[in-house]
PDB file of N, CA and C in Angstrom:
ATOM      1  N   UNK A   1      -7.641  15.506   2.724  1.00  0.00           N
ATOM      2  CA  UNK A   1      -7.862  16.469   3.779  1.00  0.00           C
ATOM      3  C   UNK A   1      -7.228  17.812   3.404  1.00  0.00           C
ATOM      4  N   UNK A   2      -6.084  17.732   2.738  1.00  0.00           N
ATOM      5  CA  UNK A   2      -5.428  18.970   2.326  1.00  0.00           C
ATOM      6  C   UNK A   2      -6.265  19.749   1.334  1.00  0.00           C
ATOM      7  N   UNK A   3      -6.933  19.038   0.451  1.00  0.00           N
ATOM      8  CA  UNK A   3      -7.783  19.702  -0.537  1.00  0.00           C
ATOM      9  C   UNK A   3      -8.977  20.365   0.142  1.00  0.00           C
ATOM     10  N   UNK A   4      -9.555  19.699   1.121  1.00  0.00           N
ATOM     11  CA  UNK A   4     -10.681  20.286   1.854  1.00  0.00           C
ATOM     12  C   UNK A   4     -10.226  21.548   2.585  1.00  0.00           C
ATOM     13  N   UNK A   5      -9.064  21.490   3.215  1.00  0.00           N
ATOM     14  CA  UNK A   5      -8.530  22.666   3.896  1.00  0.00           C
ATOM     15  C   UNK A   5      -8.260  23.806   2.932  1.00  0.00           C
ATOM     16  N   UNK A   6      -7.759  23.467   1.756  1.00  0.00           N
ATOM     17  CA  UNK A   6      -7.513  24.493   0.742  1.00  0.00           C
ATOM     18  C   UNK A   6      -8.816  25.159   0.328  1.00  0.00           C
ATOM     19  N   UNK A   7      -9.837  24.355   0.113  1.00  0.00           N
ATOM     20  CA  UNK A   7     -11.125  24.923  -0.289  1.00  0.00           C
ATOM     21  C   UNK A   7     -11.712  25.808   0.813  1.00  0.00           C
ATOM     22  N   UNK A   8     -11.585  25.370   2.061  1.00  0.00           N
ATOM     23  CA  UNK A   8     -12.074  26.189   3.174  1.00  0.00           C
ATOM     24  C   UNK A   8     -11.312  27.508   3.224  1.00  0.00           C
ATOM     25  N   UNK A   9     -10.006  27.449   3.078  1.00  0.00           N
ATOM     26  CA  UNK A   9      -9.198  28.667   3.090  1.00  0.00           C
ATOM     27  C   UNK A   9      -9.542  29.591   1.943  1.00  0.00           C
ATOM     28  N   UNK A  10      -9.780  29.026   0.769  1.00  0.00           N
ATOM     29  CA  UNK A  10     -10.147  29.859  -0.382  1.00  0.00           C
ATOM     30  C   UNK A  10     -11.532  30.478  -0.210  1.00  0.00           C
ATOM     31  N   UNK A  11     -12.458  29.727   0.347  1.00  0.00           N
ATOM     32  CA  UNK A  11     -13.789  30.286   0.610  1.00  0.00           C
ATOM     33  C   UNK A  11     -13.675  31.425   1.607  1.00  0.00           C
ATOM     34  N   UNK A  12     -12.862  31.225   2.636  1.00  0.00           N
ATOM     35  CA  UNK A  12     -12.638  32.281   3.624  1.00  0.00           C
ATOM     36  C   UNK A  12     -12.048  33.520   2.955  1.00  0.00           C
ATOM     37  N   UNK A  13     -11.088  33.278   2.107  1.00  0.00           N
ATOM     38  CA  UNK A  13     -10.412  34.376   1.433  1.00  0.00           C
ATOM     39  C   UNK A  13     -11.376  35.135   0.513  1.00  0.00           C
ATOM     40  N   UNK A  14     -12.144  34.390  -0.258  1.00  0.00           N
ATOM     41  CA  UNK A  14     -13.047  35.035  -1.205  1.00  0.00           C
ATOM     42  C   UNK A  14     -14.233  35.708  -0.522  1.00  0.00           C
ATOM     43  N   UNK A  15     -14.620  35.220   0.642  1.00  0.00           N
ATOM     44  CA  UNK A  15     -15.749  35.845   1.336  1.00  0.00           C
ATOM     45  C   UNK A  15     -15.368  37.160   1.984  1.00  0.00           C
ATOM     46  N   UNK A  16     -14.071  37.420   2.131  1.00  0.00           N
ATOM     47  CA  UNK A  16     -13.618  38.643   2.790  1.00  0.00           C
ATOM     48  C   UNK A  16     -12.756  39.496   1.870  1.00  0.00           C
ATOM     49  N   UNK A  17     -13.119  39.568   0.616  1.00  0.00           N
ATOM     50  CA  UNK A  17     -12.331  40.352  -0.340  1.00  0.00           C
ATOM     51  C   UNK A  17     -12.413  41.848  -0.072  1.00  0.00           C
ATOM     52  N   UNK A  18     -13.432  42.286   0.632  1.00  0.00           N
ATOM     53  CA  UNK A  18     -13.552  43.716   0.886  1.00  0.00           C
ATOM     54  C   UNK A  18     -12.504  44.205   1.884  1.00  0.00           C
ATOM     55  N   UNK A  19     -11.990  43.314   2.725  1.00  0.00           N
ATOM     56  CA  UNK A  19     -10.952  43.683   3.701  1.00  0.00           C
ATOM     57  C   UNK A  19      -9.643  43.024   3.288  1.00  0.00           C
ATOM     58  N   UNK A  20      -8.732  43.827   2.717  1.00  0.00           N
ATOM     59  CA  UNK A  20      -7.480  43.307   2.173  1.00  0.00           C
ATOM     60  C   UNK A  20      -6.581  42.732   3.266  1.00  0.00           C
ATOM     61  N   UNK A  21      -6.702  43.182   4.484  1.00  0.00           N
ATOM     62  CA  UNK A  21      -5.816  42.701   5.550  1.00  0.00           C
ATOM     63  C   UNK A  21      -6.083  41.231   5.903  1.00  0.00           C
ATOM     64  N   UNK A  22      -7.255  40.715   5.581  1.00  0.00           N
ATOM     65  CA  UNK A  22      -7.560  39.311   5.874  1.00  0.00           C
ATOM     66  C   UNK A  22      -7.210  38.391   4.712  1.00  0.00           C
ATOM     67  N   UNK A  23      -6.834  38.984   3.599  1.00  0.00           N
ATOM     68  CA  UNK A  23      -6.515  38.200   2.408  1.00  0.00           C
ATOM     69  C   UNK A  23      -5.278  37.322   2.617  1.00  0.00           C
ATOM     70  N   UNK A  24      -4.233  37.875   3.199  1.00  0.00           N
ATOM     71  CA  UNK A  24      -2.987  37.126   3.426  1.00  0.00           C
ATOM     72  C   UNK A  24      -3.154  35.939   4.361  1.00  0.00           C
ATOM     73  N   UNK A  25      -3.737  36.133   5.560  1.00  0.00           N
ATOM     74  CA  UNK A  25      -3.917  34.987   6.458  1.00  0.00           C
ATOM     75  C   UNK A  25      -4.812  33.893   5.869  1.00  0.00           C
ATOM     76  N   UNK A  26      -5.847  34.265   5.148  1.00  0.00           N
ATOM     77  CA  UNK A  26      -6.723  33.257   4.544  1.00  0.00           C
ATOM     78  C   UNK A  26      -5.990  32.480   3.459  1.00  0.00           C
ATOM     79  N   UNK A  27      -5.167  33.184   2.686  1.00  0.00           N
ATOM     80  CA  UNK A  27      -4.370  32.523   1.653  1.00  0.00           C
ATOM     81  C   UNK A  27      -3.330  31.599   2.292  1.00  0.00           C
ATOM     82  N   UNK A  28      -2.769  32.022   3.418  1.00  0.00           N
ATOM     83  CA  UNK A  28      -1.798  31.186   4.136  1.00  0.00           C
ATOM     84  C   UNK A  28      -2.440  29.893   4.614  1.00  0.00           C
ATOM     85  N   UNK A  29      -3.662  29.964   5.127  1.00  0.00           N
ATOM     86  CA  UNK A  29      -4.383  28.759   5.557  1.00  0.00           C
ATOM     87  C   UNK A  29      -4.596  27.836   4.372  1.00  0.00           C
ATOM     88  N   UNK A  30      -4.996  28.398   3.249  1.00  0.00           N
ATOM     89  CA  UNK A  30      -5.248  27.587   2.065  1.00  0.00           C
ATOM     90  C   UNK A  30      -3.977  26.873   1.602  1.00  0.00           C
ATOM     91  N   UNK A  31      -2.867  27.577   1.579  1.00  0.00           N
ATOM     92  CA  UNK A  31      -1.621  26.972   1.114  1.00  0.00           C
ATOM     93  C   UNK A  31      -1.029  25.992   2.132  1.00  0.00           C
ATOM     94  N   UNK A  32      -1.122  26.327   3.411  1.00  0.00           N
ATOM     95  CA  UNK A  32      -0.588  25.424   4.440  1.00  0.00           C
ATOM     96  C   UNK A  32      -1.336  24.104   4.487  1.00  0.00           C
ATOM     97  N   UNK A  33      -2.653  24.160   4.331  1.00  0.00           N
ATOM     98  CA  UNK A  33      -3.395  22.900   4.353  1.00  0.00           C
ATOM     99  C   UNK A  33      -3.053  22.033   3.148  1.00  0.00           C
ATOM    100  N   UNK A  34      -2.770  22.649   2.021  1.00  0.00           N
ATOM    101  CA  UNK A  34      -2.310  21.889   0.857  1.00  0.00           C
ATOM    102  C   UNK A  34      -0.966  21.236   1.155  1.00  0.00           C
ATOM    103  N   UNK A  35      -0.061  21.997   1.748  1.00  0.00           N
ATOM    104  CA  UNK A  35       1.244  21.456   2.111  1.00  0.00           C
ATOM    105  C   UNK A  35       1.109  20.310   3.098  1.00  0.00           C
ATOM    106  N   UNK A  36       0.310  20.502   4.144  1.00  0.00           N
ATOM    107  CA  UNK A  36       0.128  19.445   5.147  1.00  0.00           C
ATOM    108  C   UNK A  36      -0.499  18.194   4.525  1.00  0.00           C
ATOM    109  N   UNK A  37      -1.475  18.391   3.668  1.00  0.00           N
ATOM    110  CA  UNK A  37      -2.112  17.252   3.004  1.00  0.00           C
ATOM    111  C   UNK A  37      -1.134  16.476   2.136  1.00  0.00           C
ATOM    112  N   UNK A  38      -0.307  17.195   1.388  1.00  0.00           N
ATOM    113  CA  UNK A  38       0.682  16.537   0.532  1.00  0.00           C
ATOM    114  C   UNK A  38       1.725  15.801   1.370  1.00  0.00           C
ATOM    115  N   UNK A  39       2.139  16.406   2.473  1.00  0.00           N
ATOM    116  CA  UNK A  39       3.139  15.753   3.330  1.00  0.00           C
ATOM    117  C   UNK A  39       2.562  14.496   3.988  1.00  0.00           C
ATOM    118  N   UNK A  40       1.353  14.591   4.498  1.00  0.00           N
ATOM    119  CA  UNK A  40       0.735  13.423   5.127  1.00  0.00           C
ATOM    120  C   UNK A  40       0.541  12.310   4.100  1.00  0.00           C
ATOM    121  N   UNK A  41       0.100  12.673   2.909  1.00  0.00           N
ATOM    122  CA  UNK A  41      -0.116  11.665   1.871  1.00  0.00           C
ATOM    123  C   UNK A  41       1.185  10.973   1.496  1.00  0.00           C
ATOM    124  N   UNK A  42       2.231  11.742   1.242  1.00  0.00           N
ATOM    125  CA  UNK A  42       3.477  11.161   0.741  1.00  0.00           C
ATOM    126  C   UNK A  42       4.357  10.545   1.817  1.00  0.00           C
ATOM    127  N   UNK A  43       4.246  11.013   3.044  1.00  0.00           N
ATOM    128  CA  UNK A  43       5.105  10.494   4.105  1.00  0.00           C
ATOM    129  C   UNK A  43       4.435   9.404   4.938  1.00  0.00           C
ATOM    130  N   UNK A  44       3.108   9.396   4.970  1.00  0.00           N
ATOM    131  CA  UNK A  44       2.419   8.438   5.833  1.00  0.00           C
ATOM    132  C   UNK A  44       1.466   7.539   5.040  1.00  0.00           C
ATOM    133  N   UNK A  45       0.512   8.142   4.335  1.00  0.00           N
ATOM    134  CA  UNK A  45      -0.569   7.375   3.727  1.00  0.00           C
ATOM    135  C   UNK A  45      -0.097   6.462   2.595  1.00  0.00           C
ATOM    136  N   UNK A  46       0.704   6.966   1.674  1.00  0.00           N
ATOM    137  CA  UNK A  46       1.148   6.149   0.538  1.00  0.00           C
ATOM    138  C   UNK A  46       2.055   5.003   0.987  1.00  0.00           C
ATOM    139  N   UNK A  47       3.076   5.237   1.837  1.00  0.00           N
ATOM    140  CA  UNK A  47       3.874   4.102   2.305  1.00  0.00           C
ATOM    141  C   UNK A  47       3.054   3.072   3.082  1.00  0.00           C
ATOM    142  N   UNK A  48       2.106   3.546   3.870  1.00  0.00           N
ATOM    143  CA  UNK A  48       1.255   2.630   4.619  1.00  0.00           C
ATOM    144  C   UNK A  48       0.394   1.797   3.675  1.00  0.00           C
ATOM    145  N   UNK A  49      -0.168   2.427   2.671  1.00  0.00           N
ATOM    146  CA  UNK A  49      -0.981   1.702   1.690  1.00  0.00           C
ATOM    147  C   UNK A  49      -0.137   0.674   0.932  1.00  0.00           C
ATOM    148  N   UNK A  50       1.105   1.032   0.597  1.00  0.00           N
ATOM    149  CA  UNK A  50       1.988   0.084  -0.088  1.00  0.00           C
ATOM    150  C   UNK A  50       2.286  -1.127   0.787  1.00  0.00           C
ATOM    151  N   UNK A  51       2.550  -0.898   2.073  1.00  0.00           N
ATOM    152  CA  UNK A  51       2.816  -2.021   2.980  1.00  0.00           C
ATOM    153  C   UNK A  51       1.600  -2.915   3.123  1.00  0.00           C
ATOM    154  N   UNK A  52       0.431  -2.313   3.233  1.00  0.00           N
ATOM    155  CA  UNK A  52      -0.795  -3.102   3.353  1.00  0.00           C
ATOM    156  C   UNK A  52      -1.028  -3.912   2.081  1.00  0.00           C
ATOM    157  N   UNK A  53      -0.788  -3.297   0.925  1.00  0.00           N
ATOM    158  CA  UNK A  53      -0.965  -3.994  -0.350  1.00  0.00           C
ATOM    159  C   UNK A  53       0.006  -5.170  -0.471  1.00  0.00           C
ATOM    160  N   UNK A  54       1.270  -4.962  -0.086  1.00  0.00           N
ATOM    161  CA  UNK A  54       2.259  -6.039  -0.137  1.00  0.00           C
ATOM    162  C   UNK A  54       1.893  -7.175   0.807  1.00  0.00           C
ATOM    163  N   UNK A  55       1.462  -6.824   2.019  1.00  0.00           N
ATOM    164  CA  UNK A  55       1.088  -7.845   2.998  1.00  0.00           C
ATOM    165  C   UNK A  55      -0.125  -8.635   2.513  1.00  0.00           C
ATOM    166  N   UNK A  56      -1.093  -7.966   1.904  1.00  0.00           N
ATOM    167  CA  UNK A  56      -2.276  -8.656   1.394  1.00  0.00           C
ATOM    168  C   UNK A  56      -1.903  -9.611   0.265  1.00  0.00           C
ATOM    169  N   UNK A  57      -1.009  -9.187  -0.623  1.00  0.00           N
ATOM    170  CA  UNK A  57      -0.564 -10.057  -1.719  1.00  0.00           C
ATOM    171  C   UNK A  57       0.185 -11.265  -1.169  1.00  0.00           C
ATOM    172  N   UNK A  58       1.045 -11.044  -0.174  1.00  0.00           N
ATOM    173  CA  UNK A  58       1.789 -12.153   0.429  1.00  0.00           C
ATOM    174  C   UNK A  58       0.847 -13.133   1.133  1.00  0.00           C
ATOM    175  N   UNK A  59      -0.138 -12.596   1.847  1.00  0.00           N
ATOM    176  CA  UNK A  59      -1.105 -13.455   2.520  1.00  0.00           C
ATOM    177  C   UNK A  59      -1.927 -14.261   1.525  1.00  0.00           C
ATOM    178  N   UNK A  60      -2.308 -13.628   0.432  1.00  0.00           N
ATOM    179  CA  UNK A  60      -3.076 -14.332  -0.594  1.00  0.00           C
ATOM    180  C   UNK A  60      -2.237 -15.447  -1.214  1.00  0.00           C
ATOM    181  N   UNK A  61      -0.962 -15.169  -1.464  1.00  0.00           N
ATOM    182  CA  UNK A  61      -0.071 -16.194  -2.012  1.00  0.00           C
ATOM    183  C   UNK A  61       0.068 -17.352  -1.039  1.00  0.00           C
ATOM    184  N   UNK A  62       0.224 -17.039   0.249  1.00  0.00           N
ATOM    185  CA  UNK A  62       0.352 -18.099   1.248  1.00  0.00           C
ATOM    186  C   UNK A  62      -0.913 -18.938   1.346  1.00  0.00           C
ATOM    187  N   UNK A  63      -2.067 -18.296   1.282  1.00  0.00           N
ATOM    188  CA  UNK A  63      -3.323 -19.051   1.322  1.00  0.00           C
ATOM    189  C   UNK A  63      -3.459 -19.960   0.101  1.00  0.00           C
ATOM    190  N   UNK A  64      -3.015 -19.472  -1.043  1.00  0.00           N
ATOM    191  CA  UNK A  64      -3.086 -20.287  -2.264  1.00  0.00           C
ATOM    192  C   UNK A  64      -2.136 -21.482  -2.160  1.00  0.00           C
ATOM    193  N   UNK A  65      -0.959 -21.270  -1.598  1.00  0.00           N
ATOM    194  CA  UNK A  65      -0.010 -22.365  -1.413  1.00  0.00           C
ATOM    195  C   UNK A  65      -0.604 -23.418  -0.478  1.00  0.00           C
ATOM    196  N   UNK A  66      -1.203 -22.974   0.619  1.00  0.00           N
ATOM    197  CA  UNK A  66      -1.810 -23.911   1.567  1.00  0.00           C
ATOM    198  C   UNK A  66      -2.947 -24.680   0.905  1.00  0.00           C
ATOM    199  N   UNK A  67      -3.779 -23.966   0.166  1.00  0.00           N
ATOM    200  CA  UNK A  67      -4.908 -24.610  -0.517  1.00  0.00           C
ATOM    201  C   UNK A  67      -4.416 -25.669  -1.497  1.00  0.00           C
ATOM    202  N   UNK A  68      -3.424 -25.320  -2.311  1.00  0.00           N
ATOM    203  CA  UNK A  68      -2.889 -26.272  -3.278  1.00  0.00           C
ATOM    204  C   UNK A  68      -2.193 -27.438  -2.580  1.00  0.00           C
ATOM    205  N   UNK A  69      -1.505 -27.165  -1.484  1.00  0.00           N
ATOM    206  CA  UNK A  69      -0.830 -28.230  -0.737  1.00  0.00           C
ATOM    207  C   UNK A  69      -1.832 -29.250  -0.220  1.00  0.00           C
ATOM    208  N   UNK A  70      -2.875 -28.763   0.402  1.00  0.00           N
ATOM    209  CA  UNK A  70      -3.895 -29.662   0.944  1.00  0.00           C
ATOM    210  C   UNK A  70      -4.553 -30.446  -0.176  1.00  0.00           C
ATOM    211  N   UNK A  71      -4.842 -29.770  -1.280  1.00  0.00           N
ATOM    212  CA  UNK A  71      -5.471 -30.434  -2.415  1.00  0.00           C
ATOM    213  C   UNK A  71      -4.565 -31.531  -2.982  1.00  0.00           C
ATOM    214  N   UNK A  72      -3.288 -31.249  -3.135  1.00  0.00           N
ATOM    215  CA  UNK A  72      -2.354 -32.239  -3.672  1.00  0.00           C
ATOM    216  C   UNK A  72      -2.168 -33.408  -2.704  1.00  0.00           C
ATOM    217  N   UNK A  73      -2.111 -33.116  -1.424  1.00  0.00           N
ATOM    218  CA  UNK A  73      -1.991 -34.191  -0.445  1.00  0.00           C
ATOM    219  C   UNK A  73      -3.255 -35.046  -0.420  1.00  0.00           C
ATOM    220  N   UNK A  74      -4.396 -34.418  -0.569  1.00  0.00           N
ATOM    221  CA  UNK A  74      -5.648 -35.152  -0.612  1.00  0.00           C
ATOM    222  C   UNK A  74      -5.695 -36.079  -1.824  1.00  0.00           C
ATOM    223  N   UNK A  75      -5.118 -35.628  -2.928  1.00  0.00           N
ATOM    224  CA  UNK A  75      -5.071 -36.443  -4.147  1.00  0.00           C
ATOM    225  C   UNK A  75      -3.963 -37.487  -4.101  1.00  0.00           C
ATOM    226  N   UNK A  76      -3.203 -37.496  -3.022  1.00  0.00           N
ATOM    227  CA  UNK A  76      -2.097 -38.457  -2.819  1.00  0.00           C
ATOM    228  C   UNK A  76      -1.074 -38.405  -3.970  1.00  0.00           C
ATOM    229  N   UNK A  77      -0.690 -37.180  -4.313  1.00  0.00           N
ATOM    230  CA  UNK A  77       0.305 -36.984  -5.360  1.00  0.00           C
ATOM    231  C   UNK A  77       1.696 -37.333  -4.837  1.00  0.00           C
ATOM    232  N   UNK A  78       2.584 -37.620  -5.756  1.00  0.00           N
ATOM    233  CA  UNK A  78       3.963 -37.934  -5.418  1.00  0.00           C
ATOM    234  C   UNK A  78       4.613 -36.720  -4.737  1.00  0.00           C
ATOM    235  N   UNK A  79       5.323 -36.905  -3.631  1.00  0.00           N
ATOM    236  CA  UNK A  79       5.927 -35.772  -2.916  1.00  0.00           C
ATOM    237  C   UNK A  79       6.857 -34.931  -3.793  1.00  0.00           C
ATOM    238  N   UNK A  80       7.573 -35.573  -4.699  1.00  0.00           N
ATOM    239  CA  UNK A  80       8.465 -34.824  -5.597  1.00  0.00           C
ATOM    240  C   UNK A  80       7.656 -33.905  -6.514  1.00  0.00           C
ATOM    241  N   UNK A  81       6.533 -34.399  -7.004  1.00  0.00           N
ATOM    242  CA  UNK A  81       5.660 -33.591  -7.851  1.00  0.00           C
ATOM    243  C   UNK A  81       5.062 -32.438  -7.047  1.00  0.00           C
ATOM    244  N   UNK A  82       4.651 -32.721  -5.810  1.00  0.00           N
ATOM    245  CA  UNK A  82       4.116 -31.676  -4.939  1.00  0.00           C
ATOM    246  C   UNK A  82       5.166 -30.594  -4.724  1.00  0.00           C
ATOM    247  N   UNK A  83       6.397 -31.007  -4.481  1.00  0.00           N
ATOM    248  CA  UNK A  83       7.499 -30.067  -4.285  1.00  0.00           C
ATOM    249  C   UNK A  83       7.682 -29.187  -5.511  1.00  0.00           C
ATOM    250  N   UNK A  84       7.659 -29.773  -6.690  1.00  0.00           N
ATOM    251  CA  UNK A  84       7.847 -28.998  -7.918  1.00  0.00           C
ATOM    252  C   UNK A  84       6.682 -28.038  -8.163  1.00  0.00           C
ATOM    253  N   UNK A  85       5.481 -28.505  -7.922  1.00  0.00           N
ATOM    254  CA  UNK A  85       4.308 -27.651  -8.147  1.00  0.00           C
ATOM    255  C   UNK A  85       4.321 -26.467  -7.185  1.00  0.00           C
ATOM    256  N   UNK A  86       4.595 -26.747  -5.916  1.00  0.00           N
ATOM    257  CA  UNK A  86       4.566 -25.673  -4.931  1.00  0.00           C
ATOM    258  C   UNK A  86       5.745 -24.713  -5.073  1.00  0.00           C
ATOM    259  N   UNK A  87       6.858 -25.192  -5.608  1.00  0.00           N
ATOM    260  CA  UNK A  87       8.014 -24.304  -5.780  1.00  0.00           C
ATOM    261  C   UNK A  87       7.772 -23.259  -6.859  1.00  0.00           C
ATOM    262  N   UNK A  88       6.756 -23.464  -7.706  1.00  0.00           N
ATOM    263  CA  UNK A  88       6.455 -22.457  -8.727  1.00  0.00           C
ATOM    264  C   UNK A  88       5.924 -21.168  -8.111  1.00  0.00           C
ATOM    265  N   UNK A  89       5.442 -21.229  -6.864  1.00  0.00           N
ATOM    266  CA  UNK A  89       4.965 -20.027  -6.184  1.00  0.00           C
ATOM    267  C   UNK A  89       6.119 -19.174  -5.663  1.00  0.00           C
ATOM    268  N   UNK A  90       7.303 -19.735  -5.596  1.00  0.00           N
ATOM    269  CA  UNK A  90       8.441 -19.020  -5.022  1.00  0.00           C
ATOM    270  C   UNK A  90       9.160 -18.202  -6.084  1.00  0.00           C
ATOM    271  N   UNK A  91       9.799 -17.143  -5.638  1.00  0.00           N
ATOM    272  CA  UNK A  91      10.642 -16.360  -6.541  1.00  0.00           C
ATOM    273  C   UNK A  91      11.894 -17.160  -6.844  1.00  0.00           C
ATOM    274  N   UNK A  92      12.625 -16.823  -7.900  1.00  0.00           N
ATOM    275  CA  UNK A  92      13.849 -17.565  -8.218  1.00  0.00           C
ATOM    276  C   UNK A  92      14.851 -17.580  -7.054  1.00  0.00           C
ATOM    277  N   UNK A  93      14.952 -16.487  -6.318  1.00  0.00           N
ATOM    278  CA  UNK A  93      15.870 -16.442  -5.173  1.00  0.00           C
ATOM    279  C   UNK A  93      15.404 -17.410  -4.087  1.00  0.00           C
ATOM    280  N   UNK A  94      14.103 -17.424  -3.820  1.00  0.00           N
ATOM    281  CA  UNK A  94      13.558 -18.339  -2.810  1.00  0.00           C
ATOM    282  C   UNK A  94      13.721 -19.789  -3.245  1.00  0.00           C
ATOM    283  N   UNK A  95      13.536 -20.065  -4.549  1.00  0.00           N
ATOM    284  CA  UNK A  95      13.718 -21.422  -5.055  1.00  0.00           C
ATOM    285  C   UNK A  95      15.165 -21.873  -4.890  1.00  0.00           C
ATOM    286  N   UNK A  96      16.095 -20.994  -5.220  1.00  0.00           N
ATOM    287  CA  UNK A  96      17.509 -21.337  -5.094  1.00  0.00           C
ATOM    288  C   UNK A  96      17.865 -21.625  -3.641  1.00  0.00           C
ATOM    289  N   UNK A  97      17.381 -20.813  -2.728  1.00  0.00           N
ATOM    290  CA  UNK A  97      17.643 -20.998  -1.299  1.00  0.00           C
ATOM    291  C   UNK A  97      17.047 -22.333  -0.819  1.00  0.00           C
ATOM    292  N   UNK A  98      15.835 -22.646  -1.300  1.00  0.00           N
ATOM    293  CA  UNK A  98      15.172 -23.880  -0.892  1.00  0.00           C
ATOM    294  C   UNK A  98      15.943 -25.099  -1.391  1.00  0.00           C
ATOM    295  N   UNK A  99      16.371 -25.076  -2.641  1.00  0.00           N
ATOM    296  CA  UNK A  99      17.081 -26.220  -3.191  1.00  0.00           C
ATOM    297  C   UNK A  99      18.486 -26.347  -2.620  1.00  0.00           C
ATOM    298  N   UNK A 100      19.099 -25.227  -2.201  1.00  0.00           N
ATOM    299  CA  UNK A 100      20.392 -25.303  -1.535  1.00  0.00           C
ATOM    300  C   UNK A 100      20.253 -25.951  -0.149  1.00  0.00           C
ATOM    301  N   UNK A 101      19.171 -25.650   0.539  1.00  0.00           N
ATOM    302  CA  UNK A 101      18.939 -26.243   1.855  1.00  0.00           C
ATOM    303  C   UNK A 101      18.648 -27.738   1.750  1.00  0.00           C
ATOM    304  N   UNK A 102      17.972 -28.131   0.664  1.00  0.00           N
ATOM    305  CA  UNK A 102      17.640 -29.546   0.478  1.00  0.00           C
ATOM    306  C   UNK A 102      18.879 -30.351   0.092  1.00  0.00           C
ATOM    307  N   UNK A 103      19.868 -29.674  -0.447  1.00  0.00           N
ATOM    308  CA  UNK A 103      21.113 -30.353  -0.762  1.00  0.00           C
ATOM    309  C   UNK A 103      21.115 -30.891  -2.137  1.00  0.00           C
TER     310      UNK A 103
END
């Protein structure tokens, strides 16, 4: 959006080159829209996209764990083997916490 605003401001500026008094305000619009676009992108859009990406990856991992769990239970695998297979989806910190809770 900032780029579109910049282009609009520059078109405004270039269309009125015969009147120097309008050059400054048109240039200000062009630069302000660039600033606003950069601020919105870096303060709102990028962090939001990162959170959505992280949540999607976590959801996909959870769905894969559920799918593998059901598949292993359907195959009547040994519970210890199921535990080991499913623990591979966890980070080392999560694995340590899980095994500490199990005793």
